[in-house]
């Protein structure tokens, strides 16, 4: 059985908020070419919305969602353009 873990990285650099999440995976992943996202392989009605939501948020803040299925882990990250400070 694969050890379960998750690493979250968040920091601000210049005008961008970087968010990176990496977690363990033991199963193969299924990439949907039409959606440009990985498909959830979990059972149930409410799985598979997280990456779609993350992509929508990234687009709203002039970014893109980067996804990678690496050896034994899955990674997603984005750098959101922050709004200008209020004066």
N, C-alpha and C. Protein backbone atom coordinates (compact mmCIF):
# COMPACT_ATOMS: atom_id res chain seq x y z
N UNK A 1 0.84 -1.19 0.00
CA UNK A 1 0.00 0.00 0.00
C UNK A 1 0.89 1.25 0.00
N UNK A 2 0.53 2.23 -0.82
CA UNK A 2 1.30 3.47 -0.94
C UNK A 2 1.02 4.41 0.23
N UNK A 3 2.07 5.00 0.74
CA UNK A 3 1.93 6.00 1.79
C UNK A 3 1.19 7.21 1.24
N UNK A 4 0.24 7.74 2.01
CA UNK A 4 -0.51 8.92 1.59
C UNK A 4 0.15 10.17 2.16
N UNK A 5 0.32 11.19 1.32
CA UNK A 5 0.89 12.45 1.76
C UNK A 5 0.45 13.56 0.82
N UNK A 6 0.56 14.79 1.29
CA UNK A 6 0.24 15.97 0.48
C UNK A 6 1.17 17.10 0.90
N UNK A 7 1.65 17.85 -0.08
CA UNK A 7 2.52 19.00 0.17
C UNK A 7 1.86 20.21 -0.49
N UNK A 8 1.69 21.29 0.27
CA UNK A 8 1.08 22.52 -0.23
C UNK A 8 2.11 23.63 -0.11
N UNK A 9 2.33 24.37 -1.21
CA UNK A 9 3.25 25.51 -1.21
C UNK A 9 2.48 26.75 -1.66
N UNK A 10 2.58 27.81 -0.87
CA UNK A 10 1.92 29.07 -1.21
C UNK A 10 2.89 30.20 -0.91
N UNK A 11 3.10 31.09 -1.89
CA UNK A 11 3.91 32.28 -1.63
C UNK A 11 3.57 33.37 -2.65
N UNK A 12 3.95 34.59 -2.32
CA UNK A 12 3.72 35.73 -3.21
C UNK A 12 5.07 36.18 -3.75
N UNK A 13 5.11 36.38 -5.05
CA UNK A 13 6.31 36.92 -5.70
C UNK A 13 5.83 37.98 -6.69
N UNK A 14 6.33 39.18 -6.52
CA UNK A 14 5.90 40.32 -7.32
C UNK A 14 4.37 40.44 -7.23
N UNK A 15 3.67 40.38 -8.34
CA UNK A 15 2.22 40.54 -8.35
C UNK A 15 1.49 39.21 -8.48
N UNK A 16 2.13 38.11 -8.12
CA UNK A 16 1.53 36.79 -8.30
C UNK A 16 1.47 36.00 -7.00
N UNK A 17 0.37 35.30 -6.83
CA UNK A 17 0.20 34.36 -5.73
C UNK A 17 0.41 32.96 -6.30
N UNK A 18 1.48 32.31 -5.89
CA UNK A 18 1.78 30.95 -6.36
C UNK A 18 1.13 29.95 -5.42
N UNK A 19 0.43 28.97 -6.00
CA UNK A 19 -0.16 27.88 -5.23
C UNK A 19 0.24 26.58 -5.90
N UNK A 20 0.88 25.71 -5.16
CA UNK A 20 1.30 24.41 -5.67
C UNK A 20 0.87 23.30 -4.72
N UNK A 21 0.29 22.26 -5.27
CA UNK A 21 -0.14 21.12 -4.46
C UNK A 21 0.40 19.86 -5.10
N UNK A 22 0.99 19.02 -4.28
CA UNK A 22 1.53 17.75 -4.75
C UNK A 22 1.06 16.66 -3.79
N UNK A 23 0.65 15.53 -4.33
CA UNK A 23 0.22 14.44 -3.47
C UNK A 23 0.65 13.10 -4.05
N UNK A 24 0.66 12.10 -3.16
CA UNK A 24 1.03 10.75 -3.57
C UNK A 24 -0.05 10.15 -4.45
N UNK A 25 0.36 9.28 -5.35
CA UNK A 25 -0.60 8.52 -6.16
C UNK A 25 -0.02 7.14 -6.39
N UNK A 26 -0.91 6.17 -6.40
CA UNK A 26 -0.48 4.80 -6.64
C UNK A 26 -1.15 4.21 -7.87
N UNK A 27 -2.20 4.86 -8.33
CA UNK A 27 -2.95 4.39 -9.49
C UNK A 27 -2.55 5.17 -10.73
N UNK A 28 -2.70 4.57 -11.91
CA UNK A 28 -2.47 5.33 -13.13
C UNK A 28 -3.51 6.44 -13.25
N UNK A 29 -3.18 7.49 -13.97
CA UNK A 29 -4.13 8.59 -14.17
C UNK A 29 -4.66 8.56 -15.60
N UNK A 30 -5.84 9.12 -15.77
CA UNK A 30 -6.51 9.15 -17.06
C UNK A 30 -6.61 10.60 -17.51
N UNK A 31 -5.96 10.95 -18.62
CA UNK A 31 -5.96 12.33 -19.11
C UNK A 31 -7.02 12.49 -20.17
N UNK A 32 -7.90 13.47 -20.01
CA UNK A 32 -8.97 13.77 -20.96
C UNK A 32 -8.45 14.83 -21.93
N UNK A 33 -8.15 14.45 -23.16
CA UNK A 33 -7.61 15.37 -24.16
C UNK A 33 -8.56 16.52 -24.45
N UNK A 34 -9.87 16.25 -24.50
CA UNK A 34 -10.85 17.29 -24.81
C UNK A 34 -10.93 18.35 -23.71
N UNK A 35 -10.93 17.92 -22.46
CA UNK A 35 -11.01 18.84 -21.32
C UNK A 35 -9.66 19.44 -20.98
N UNK A 36 -8.59 18.73 -21.31
CA UNK A 36 -7.26 19.18 -20.92
C UNK A 36 -7.00 18.97 -19.44
N UNK A 37 -7.70 18.01 -18.85
CA UNK A 37 -7.58 17.73 -17.43
C UNK A 37 -7.50 16.24 -17.20
N UNK A 38 -7.01 15.88 -16.03
CA UNK A 38 -7.02 14.48 -15.63
C UNK A 38 -8.42 14.14 -15.13
N UNK A 39 -8.87 12.94 -15.40
CA UNK A 39 -10.17 12.47 -14.93
C UNK A 39 -10.02 11.77 -13.59
N UNK A 40 -11.01 11.98 -12.76
CA UNK A 40 -11.04 11.27 -11.48
C UNK A 40 -11.38 9.81 -11.72
N UNK A 41 -10.70 8.94 -11.02
CA UNK A 41 -11.00 7.51 -11.13
C UNK A 41 -11.74 7.03 -9.90
N UNK A 42 -12.09 7.96 -9.00
CA UNK A 42 -12.80 7.61 -7.77
C UNK A 42 -14.27 7.36 -8.07
N UNK A 43 -14.87 6.50 -7.29
CA UNK A 43 -16.29 6.21 -7.41
C UNK A 43 -17.11 7.32 -6.76
N UNK A 44 -18.31 7.54 -7.26
CA UNK A 44 -19.22 8.48 -6.62
C UNK A 44 -19.53 9.67 -7.50
N UNK A 45 -20.58 10.37 -7.13
CA UNK A 45 -21.09 11.48 -7.92
C UNK A 45 -20.25 12.73 -7.82
N UNK A 46 -19.67 13.01 -6.67
CA UNK A 46 -19.05 14.31 -6.43
C UNK A 46 -17.55 14.33 -6.63
N UNK A 47 -17.00 13.41 -7.38
CA UNK A 47 -15.57 13.43 -7.68
C UNK A 47 -15.34 14.03 -9.06
N UNK A 48 -14.19 14.70 -9.21
CA UNK A 48 -13.83 15.23 -10.52
C UNK A 48 -14.12 16.71 -10.71
N UNK A 49 -14.60 17.39 -9.70
CA UNK A 49 -14.90 18.82 -9.83
C UNK A 49 -13.73 19.71 -9.41
N UNK A 50 -12.81 19.19 -8.62
CA UNK A 50 -11.72 20.00 -8.09
C UNK A 50 -10.83 20.61 -9.15
N UNK A 51 -10.37 19.82 -10.11
CA UNK A 51 -9.47 20.35 -11.13
C UNK A 51 -10.20 21.31 -12.07
N UNK A 52 -11.47 21.05 -12.35
CA UNK A 52 -12.24 21.98 -13.18
C UNK A 52 -12.39 23.33 -12.48
N UNK A 53 -12.66 23.29 -11.19
CA UNK A 53 -12.77 24.53 -10.41
C UNK A 53 -11.44 25.27 -10.35
N UNK A 54 -10.36 24.54 -10.14
CA UNK A 54 -9.03 25.15 -10.08
C UNK A 54 -8.67 25.80 -11.41
N UNK A 55 -9.01 25.15 -12.51
CA UNK A 55 -8.72 25.74 -13.83
C UNK A 55 -9.53 27.02 -14.05
N UNK A 56 -10.79 27.02 -13.64
CA UNK A 56 -11.64 28.21 -13.79
C UNK A 56 -11.09 29.37 -12.98
N UNK A 57 -10.63 29.12 -11.76
CA UNK A 57 -10.04 30.17 -10.93
C UNK A 57 -8.76 30.68 -11.55
N UNK A 58 -7.91 29.79 -12.05
CA UNK A 58 -6.66 30.21 -12.69
C UNK A 58 -6.95 31.12 -13.88
N UNK A 59 -7.92 30.76 -14.70
CA UNK A 59 -8.27 31.58 -15.87
C UNK A 59 -8.81 32.95 -15.45
N UNK A 60 -9.59 32.98 -14.38
CA UNK A 60 -10.15 34.24 -13.89
C UNK A 60 -9.04 35.22 -13.52
N UNK A 61 -7.94 34.70 -12.98
CA UNK A 61 -6.83 35.55 -12.54
C UNK A 61 -5.67 35.54 -13.54
N UNK A 62 -5.99 35.35 -14.81
CA UNK A 62 -5.03 35.48 -15.91
C UNK A 62 -3.85 34.51 -15.78
N UNK A 63 -4.16 33.28 -15.42
CA UNK A 63 -3.13 32.26 -15.26
C UNK A 63 -3.59 30.99 -15.96
N UNK A 64 -2.81 29.96 -15.78
CA UNK A 64 -3.20 28.64 -16.27
C UNK A 64 -2.88 27.63 -15.20
N UNK A 65 -3.55 26.51 -15.25
CA UNK A 65 -3.33 25.45 -14.29
C UNK A 65 -2.35 24.46 -14.90
N UNK A 66 -1.27 24.21 -14.21
CA UNK A 66 -0.26 23.25 -14.68
C UNK A 66 -0.45 21.93 -13.94
N UNK A 67 -0.61 20.85 -14.68
CA UNK A 67 -0.84 19.53 -14.10
C UNK A 67 0.22 18.57 -14.59
N UNK A 68 0.72 17.75 -13.66
CA UNK A 68 1.71 16.74 -14.02
C UNK A 68 1.44 15.46 -13.24
N UNK A 69 1.48 14.36 -13.93
CA UNK A 69 1.41 13.04 -13.28
C UNK A 69 2.83 12.49 -13.32
N UNK A 70 3.51 12.59 -12.21
CA UNK A 70 4.91 12.18 -12.11
C UNK A 70 4.98 10.80 -11.47
N UNK A 71 6.17 10.26 -11.40
CA UNK A 71 6.37 8.94 -10.82
C UNK A 71 5.94 8.92 -9.36
N UNK A 72 4.81 8.29 -9.07
CA UNK A 72 4.35 8.15 -7.70
C UNK A 72 3.72 9.38 -7.09
N UNK A 73 3.53 10.44 -7.87
CA UNK A 73 2.92 11.65 -7.32
C UNK A 73 2.18 12.42 -8.41
N UNK A 74 1.29 13.28 -7.97
CA UNK A 74 0.53 14.13 -8.87
C UNK A 74 0.75 15.57 -8.42
N UNK A 75 0.92 16.48 -9.37
CA UNK A 75 1.24 17.86 -9.05
C UNK A 75 0.33 18.81 -9.81
N UNK A 76 -0.15 19.84 -9.13
CA UNK A 76 -0.89 20.92 -9.78
C UNK A 76 -0.38 22.24 -9.23
N UNK A 77 -0.30 23.24 -10.09
CA UNK A 77 0.19 24.55 -9.64
C UNK A 77 -0.34 25.65 -10.54
N UNK A 78 -0.35 26.85 -10.00
CA UNK A 78 -0.74 28.03 -10.76
C UNK A 78 -0.11 29.25 -10.10
N UNK A 79 -0.04 30.34 -10.83
CA UNK A 79 0.44 31.63 -10.30
C UNK A 79 -0.63 32.67 -10.67
N UNK A 80 -1.42 33.05 -9.70
CA UNK A 80 -2.55 33.95 -9.94
C UNK A 80 -2.09 35.41 -9.90
N UNK A 81 -2.50 36.18 -10.90
CA UNK A 81 -2.19 37.60 -10.94
C UNK A 81 -3.06 38.31 -9.91
N UNK A 82 -2.41 38.95 -8.95
CA UNK A 82 -3.13 39.64 -7.89
C UNK A 82 -3.68 40.97 -8.38
N UNK A 83 -4.84 41.38 -7.85
CA UNK A 83 -5.35 42.70 -8.24
C UNK A 83 -4.46 43.80 -7.68
N UNK A 84 -4.46 44.97 -8.30
CA UNK A 84 -3.64 46.07 -7.78
C UNK A 84 -4.11 46.46 -6.39
N UNK A 85 -3.20 46.93 -5.54
CA UNK A 85 -3.59 47.34 -4.18
C UNK A 85 -4.53 48.54 -4.21
N UNK A 86 -5.42 48.59 -3.23
CA UNK A 86 -6.32 49.73 -3.12
C UNK A 86 -5.54 50.94 -2.62
N UNK A 87 -5.83 52.09 -3.18
CA UNK A 87 -5.09 53.29 -2.71
C UNK A 87 -5.99 54.24 -1.98
